[in-house]
PDB file of N, CA and C in Angstrom:
ATOM      1  N   MET A   1      83.378  92.883 104.294  1.00  0.00           N
ATOM      2  CA  MET A   1      83.442  94.206 103.620  1.00  0.00           C
ATOM      3  C   MET A   1      82.590  95.329 104.435  1.00  0.00           C
ATOM      4  N   PRO A   2      82.589  96.384 104.812  1.00  0.00           N
ATOM      5  CA  PRO A   2      82.237  97.496 105.455  1.00  0.00           C
ATOM      6  C   PRO A   2      80.613  97.493 104.326  1.00  0.00           C
ATOM      7  N   ASP A   3      79.559  97.601 104.893  1.00  0.00           N
ATOM      8  CA  ASP A   3      78.205  98.037 104.141  1.00  0.00           C
ATOM      9  C   ASP A   3      78.204  99.235 103.508  1.00  0.00           C
ATOM     10  N   GLU A   4      78.917 100.359 103.689  1.00  0.00           N
ATOM     11  CA  GLU A   4      78.904 101.620 102.936  1.00  0.00           C
ATOM     12  C   GLU A   4      80.014 100.778 101.904  1.00  0.00           C
ATOM     13  N   ALA A   5      80.735 100.818 102.146  1.00  0.00           N
ATOM     14  CA  ALA A   5      82.177 100.287 100.776  1.00  0.00           C
ATOM     15  C   ALA A   5      81.288  99.229  99.724  1.00  0.00           C
ATOM     16  N   LEU A   6      80.597  98.319 100.313  1.00  0.00           N
ATOM     17  CA  LEU A   6      80.079  97.191  99.413  1.00  0.00           C
ATOM     18  C   LEU A   6      78.778  98.200  98.481  1.00  0.00           C
ATOM     19  N   GLU A   7      78.288  99.102  99.211  1.00  0.00           N
ATOM     20  CA  GLU A   7      77.078  99.697  98.578  1.00  0.00           C
ATOM     21  C   GLU A   7      77.461 100.967  97.434  1.00  0.00           C
ATOM     22  N   ALA A   8      79.022 101.428  97.854  1.00  0.00           N
ATOM     23  CA  ALA A   8      79.523 102.762  96.619  1.00  0.00           C
ATOM     24  C   ALA A   8      80.290 101.784  96.099  1.00  0.00           C
ATOM     25  N   LEU A   9      80.488 100.440  95.771  1.00  0.00           N
ATOM     26  CA  LEU A   9      80.911  99.352  94.749  1.00  0.00           C
ATOM     27  C   LEU A   9      79.542  99.091  94.051  1.00  0.00           C
ATOM     28  N   ARG A  10      78.739  99.186  94.599  1.00  0.00           N
ATOM     29  CA  ARG A  10      77.528  98.354  93.648  1.00  0.00           C
ATOM     30  C   ARG A  10      76.553  99.728  93.287  1.00  0.00           C
ATOM     31  N   GLU A  11      77.034 100.505  93.554  1.00  0.00           N
ATOM     32  CA  GLU A  11      76.291 102.081  92.963  1.00  0.00           C
ATOM     33  C   GLU A  11      77.762 102.629  91.385  1.00  0.00           C
ATOM     34  N   ARG A  12      78.744 102.309  91.949  1.00  0.00           N
ATOM     35  CA  ARG A  12      79.672 102.784  90.262  1.00  0.00           C
ATOM     36  C   ARG A  12      79.455 101.627  89.870  1.00  0.00           C
ATOM     37  N   ALA A  13      79.373 100.200  89.883  1.00  0.00           N
ATOM     38  CA  ALA A  13      78.875  99.369  89.016  1.00  0.00           C
ATOM     39  C   ALA A  13      77.775  99.569  88.155  1.00  0.00           C
ATOM     40  N   ALA A  14      76.384 100.189  89.061  1.00  0.00           N
ATOM     41  CA  ALA A  14      75.622 100.195  87.985  1.00  0.00           C
ATOM     42  C   ALA A  14      75.568 101.414  86.871  1.00  0.00           C
ATOM     43  N   LYS A  15      76.106 102.394  87.702  1.00  0.00           N
ATOM     44  CA  LYS A  15      76.697 103.198  86.874  1.00  0.00           C
ATOM     45  C   LYS A  15      77.018 103.206  85.392  1.00  0.00           C
ATOM     46  N   ARG A  16      77.421 102.269  85.599  1.00  0.00           N
ATOM     47  CA  ARG A  16      78.721 101.587  84.307  1.00  0.00           C
ATOM     48  C   ARG A  16      78.111 100.438  83.617  1.00  0.00           C
ATOM     49  N   GLN A  17      77.090 100.346  83.647  1.00  0.00           N
ATOM     50  CA  GLN A  17      76.149  98.951  83.892  1.00  0.00           C
ATOM     51  C   GLN A  17      76.903  97.757  83.825  1.00  0.00           C
ATOM     52  N   LEU A  18      77.678  97.471  85.036  1.00  0.00           N
ATOM     53  CA  LEU A  18      78.075  95.927  84.996  1.00  0.00           C
ATOM     54  C   LEU A  18      77.570  95.207  86.501  1.00  0.00           C
ATOM     55  N   SER A  19      77.965  94.169  86.281  1.00  0.00           N
ATOM     56  CA  SER A  19      77.908  93.443  87.798  1.00  0.00           C
ATOM     57  C   SER A  19      78.501  93.606  88.487  1.00  0.00           C
ATOM     58  N   LEU A  20      78.031  93.584  90.041  1.00  0.00           N
ATOM     59  CA  LEU A  20      79.447  93.950  91.043  1.00  0.00           C
ATOM     60  C   LEU A  20      80.641  93.431  90.774  1.00  0.00           C
ATOM     61  N   SER A  21      80.465  92.179  90.296  1.00  0.00           N
ATOM     62  CA  SER A  21      81.632  90.647  89.853  1.00  0.00           C
ATOM     63  C   SER A  21      82.513  91.219  88.723  1.00  0.00           C
ATOM     64  N   ALA A  22      82.021  92.083  88.063  1.00  0.00           N
ATOM     65  CA  ALA A  22      82.682  92.152  86.803  1.00  0.00           C
ATOM     66  C   ALA A  22      83.356  93.924  86.503  1.00  0.00           C
ATOM     67  N   TYR A  23      82.721  94.535  87.903  1.00  0.00           N
ATOM     68  CA  TYR A  23      83.159  95.865  88.315  1.00  0.00           C
ATOM     69  C   TYR A  23      84.108  95.699  89.260  1.00  0.00           C
ATOM     70  N   ALA A  24      84.472  94.466  90.239  1.00  0.00           N
ATOM     71  CA  ALA A  24      85.409  94.497  91.259  1.00  0.00           C
ATOM     72  C   ALA A  24      86.620  94.090  90.275  1.00  0.00           C
ATOM     73  N   ARG A  25      86.194  93.050  89.603  1.00  0.00           N
ATOM     74  CA  ARG A  25      87.288  92.319  88.571  1.00  0.00           C
ATOM     75  C   ARG A  25      88.250  93.672  87.501  1.00  0.00           C
ATOM     76  N   GLU A  26      87.351  94.680  87.395  1.00  0.00           N
ATOM     77  CA  GLU A  26      87.878  95.559  86.154  1.00  0.00           C
ATOM     78  C   GLU A  26      88.756  96.250  87.386  1.00  0.00           C
ATOM     79  N   VAL A  27      88.249  96.658  88.481  1.00  0.00           N
ATOM     80  CA  VAL A  27      89.149  97.522  89.972  1.00  0.00           C
ATOM     81  C   VAL A  27      90.385  96.573  89.967  1.00  0.00           C
ATOM     82  N   LEU A  28      90.363  95.518  90.388  1.00  0.00           N
ATOM     83  CA  LEU A  28      91.562  94.482  90.844  1.00  0.00           C
ATOM     84  C   LEU A  28      92.506  93.926  89.380  1.00  0.00           C
ATOM     85  N   VAL A  29      91.913  94.046  88.105  1.00  0.00           N
ATOM     86  CA  VAL A  29      92.652  94.072  87.336  1.00  0.00           C
ATOM     87  C   VAL A  29      93.783  95.497  86.986  1.00  0.00           C
ATOM     88  N   ARG A  30      93.039  96.563  87.278  1.00  0.00           N
ATOM     89  CA  ARG A  30      93.546  97.639  87.076  1.00  0.00           C
ATOM     90  C   ARG A  30      94.703  98.020  88.307  1.00  0.00           C
ATOM     91  N   GLU A  31      94.241  97.656  89.361  1.00  0.00           N
ATOM     92  CA  GLU A  31      95.259  97.745  90.350  1.00  0.00           C
ATOM     93  C   GLU A  31      96.404  96.935  90.357  1.00  0.00           C
ATOM     94  N   ALA A  32      96.524  95.784  89.794  1.00  0.00           N
ATOM     95  CA  ALA A  32      97.054  95.062  89.684  1.00  0.00           C
ATOM     96  C   ALA A  32      98.577  95.433  88.923  1.00  0.00           C
ATOM     97  N   GLY A  33      97.804  96.205  87.799  1.00  0.00           N
ATOM     98  CA  GLY A  33      98.709  96.567  86.692  1.00  0.00           C
ATOM     99  C   GLY A  33      99.286  97.986  86.870  1.00  0.00           C
ATOM    100  N   ARG A  34      99.337  98.484  88.359  1.00  0.00           N
ATOM    101  CA  ARG A  34      99.830  99.709  88.805  1.00  0.00           C
ATOM    102  C   ARG A  34     100.954  98.950  89.722  1.00  0.00           C
ATOM    103  N   ALA A  35     102.146 100.095  89.492  1.00  0.00           N
ATOM    104  CA  ALA A  35     103.506  99.216  90.273  1.00  0.00           C
ATOM    105  C   ALA A  35     102.798 100.169  91.482  1.00  0.00           C
ATOM    106  N   THR A  36     103.858  99.543  93.014  1.00  0.00           N
ATOM    107  CA  THR A  36     103.767 100.133  93.796  1.00  0.00           C
ATOM    108  C   THR A  36     104.929 101.179  94.196  1.00  0.00           C
ATOM    109  N   MET A  37     104.639 102.128  94.959  1.00  0.00           N
ATOM    110  CA  MET A  37     105.797 103.302  95.140  1.00  0.00           C
ATOM    111  C   MET A  37     107.034 102.358  95.049  1.00  0.00           C
ATOM    112  N   GLU A  38     107.155 101.561  96.355  1.00  0.00           N
ATOM    113  CA  GLU A  38     108.461 100.758  96.157  1.00  0.00           C
ATOM    114  C   GLU A  38     108.996 100.026  94.753  1.00  0.00           C
ATOM    115  N   GLU A  39     108.252  99.901  94.080  1.00  0.00           N
ATOM    116  CA  GLU A  39     108.398  99.055  92.600  1.00  0.00           C
ATOM    117  C   GLU A  39     108.669 100.107  91.779  1.00  0.00           C
ATOM    118  N   ALA A  40     108.088 100.891  91.781  1.00  0.00           N
ATOM    119  CA  ALA A  40     108.258 102.374  90.948  1.00  0.00           C
ATOM    120  C   ALA A  40     109.821 103.056  91.283  1.00  0.00           C
ATOM    121  N   LEU A  41     109.927 103.094  92.246  1.00  0.00           N
ATOM    122  CA  LEU A  41     111.379 103.733  92.951  1.00  0.00           C
ATOM    123  C   LEU A  41     112.579 102.943  92.566  1.00  0.00           C
ATOM    124  N   SER A  42     112.238 101.624  93.012  1.00  0.00           N
ATOM    125  CA  SER A  42     113.450 100.589  93.095  1.00  0.00           C
ATOM    126  C   SER A  42     113.474 100.267  91.168  1.00  0.00           C
ATOM    127  N   ALA A  43     112.481  99.886  90.517  1.00  0.00           N
ATOM    128  CA  ALA A  43     112.798  99.418  89.170  1.00  0.00           C
ATOM    129  C   ALA A  43     113.874 100.178  88.199  1.00  0.00           C
ATOM    130  N   PRO A  44     113.248 101.972  88.377  1.00  0.00           N
ATOM    131  CA  PRO A  44     114.421 102.604  87.540  1.00  0.00           C
ATOM    132  C   PRO A  44     115.813 102.516  87.739  1.00  0.00           C
ATOM    133  N   ARG A  45     116.099 102.399  89.470  1.00  0.00           N
ATOM    134  CA  ARG A  45     117.746 102.146  89.539  1.00  0.00           C
ATOM    135  C   ARG A  45     118.136 100.745  88.762  1.00  0.00           C
ATOM    136  N   VAL A  46     117.255  99.820  88.802  1.00  0.00           N
ATOM    137  CA  VAL A  46     117.660  98.445  88.597  1.00  0.00           C
ATOM    138  C   VAL A  46     118.095  98.382  86.839  1.00  0.00           C
ATOM    139  N   ILE A  47     116.895  99.022  86.115  1.00  0.00           N
ATOM    140  CA  ILE A  47     116.728  98.881  84.753  1.00  0.00           C
ATOM    141  C   ILE A  47     117.926  99.806  83.938  1.00  0.00           C
ATOM    142  N   ALA A  48     118.352 101.368  84.924  1.00  0.00           N
ATOM    143  CA  ALA A  48     119.042 101.895  84.833  1.00  0.00           C
ATOM    144  C   ALA A  48     120.690 101.438  84.705  1.00  0.00           C
ATOM    145  N   GLY A  49     121.087 100.808  85.833  1.00  0.00           N
ATOM    146  CA  GLY A  49     122.122 100.278  86.040  1.00  0.00           C
ATOM    147  C   GLY A  49     122.715 101.097  86.905  1.00  0.00           C
ATOM    148  N   ARG A  50     122.103 102.110  87.044  1.00  0.00           N
ATOM    149  CA  ARG A  50     123.262 103.697  87.907  1.00  0.00           C
ATOM    150  C   ARG A  50     122.139 104.499  88.831  1.00  0.00           C
ATOM    151  N   ARG A  51     122.363 105.055  89.571  1.00  0.00           N
ATOM    152  CA  ARG A  51     121.632 105.823  90.783  1.00  0.00           C
ATOM    153  C   ARG A  51     120.647 107.060  90.046  1.00  0.00           C
ATOM    154  N   LEU A  52     119.736 107.145  90.088  1.00  0.00           N
ATOM    155  CA  LEU A  52     118.883 107.969  89.591  1.00  0.00           C
ATOM    156  C   LEU A  52     118.678 109.422  90.534  1.00  0.00           C
ATOM    157  N   SER A  53     118.490 110.711  89.960  1.00  0.00           N
ATOM    158  CA  SER A  53     118.188 111.991  90.989  1.00  0.00           C
ATOM    159  C   SER A  53     116.985 111.746  91.084  1.00  0.00           C
ATOM    160  N   ALA A  54     116.437 112.330  92.263  1.00  0.00           N
ATOM    161  CA  ALA A  54     115.310 112.292  92.470  1.00  0.00           C
ATOM    162  C   ALA A  54     114.390 113.050  91.468  1.00  0.00           C
ATOM    163  N   ARG A  55     114.752 113.926  90.509  1.00  0.00           N
ATOM    164  CA  ARG A  55     114.193 114.646  89.451  1.00  0.00           C
ATOM    165  C   ARG A  55     114.203 113.654  88.324  1.00  0.00           C
ATOM    166  N   GLN A  56     115.149 112.769  88.749  1.00  0.00           N
ATOM    167  CA  GLN A  56     114.848 111.507  87.203  1.00  0.00           C
ATOM    168  C   GLN A  56     113.583 110.905  87.498  1.00  0.00           C
ATOM    169  N   LEU A  57     113.766 110.250  88.745  1.00  0.00           N
ATOM    170  CA  LEU A  57     112.555 109.245  89.472  1.00  0.00           C
ATOM    171  C   LEU A  57     111.227 110.039  89.002  1.00  0.00           C
ATOM    172  N   LYS A  58     111.181 111.121  89.411  1.00  0.00           N
ATOM    173  CA  LYS A  58     109.866 112.150  89.426  1.00  0.00           C
ATOM    174  C   LYS A  58     109.339 111.651  87.949  1.00  0.00           C
ATOM    175  N   GLN A  59     110.157 112.171  87.305  1.00  0.00           N
ATOM    176  CA  GLN A  59     109.956 112.225  85.544  1.00  0.00           C
ATOM    177  C   GLN A  59     109.668 110.700  85.385  1.00  0.00           C
ATOM    178  N   LEU A  60     110.017 109.933  85.621  1.00  0.00           N
ATOM    179  CA  LEU A  60     109.712 108.344  85.181  1.00  0.00           C
ATOM    180  C   LEU A  60     108.702 108.012  85.924  1.00  0.00           C
ATOM    181  N   ILE A  61     108.028 108.193  87.239  1.00  0.00           N
ATOM    182  CA  ILE A  61     106.798 108.098  87.516  1.00  0.00           C
ATOM    183  C   ILE A  61     105.478 108.578  86.750  1.00  0.00           C
ATOM    184  N   ARG A  62     106.019 110.054  86.489  1.00  0.00           N
ATOM    185  CA  ARG A  62     104.693 110.740  85.928  1.00  0.00           C
ATOM    186  C   ARG A  62     105.135 109.984  84.507  1.00  0.00           C
ATOM    187  N   ALA A  63     105.753 109.607  83.795  1.00  0.00           N
ATOM    188  CA  ALA A  63     105.600 109.038  82.501  1.00  0.00           C
ATOM    189  C   ALA A  63     104.769 107.711  82.845  1.00  0.00           C
ATOM    190  N   GLY A  64     104.941 106.979  83.641  1.00  0.00           N
ATOM    191  CA  GLY A  64     104.105 105.818  84.324  1.00  0.00           C
ATOM    192  C   GLY A  64     102.750 106.059  84.345  1.00  0.00           C
ATOM    193  N   ARG A  65     102.340 107.400  84.535  1.00  0.00           N
ATOM    194  CA  ARG A  65     100.813 107.290  84.876  1.00  0.00           C
ATOM    195  C   ARG A  65     100.264 107.695  83.679  1.00  0.00           C
ATOM    196  N   SER A  66     100.457 108.429  82.781  1.00  0.00           N
ATOM    197  CA  SER A  66     100.429 108.755  81.597  1.00  0.00           C
ATOM    198  C   SER A  66      99.905 107.970  80.533  1.00  0.00           C
TER     199      SER A  66
END
């Protein structure tokens, strides 16, 4: 890992009064819970069972971010 990235993570962890490992665990758990763009775009079509418009997809993506 680049030194600059590691230092930035250490600083963020310290600001939250967390160890680097605890902070890294939080970041990884949060990232794992987010859908990729491919997942976000394909899932509604599978769930809905029909093709959705771009507008409908955008609304679903926005709702997922809330």
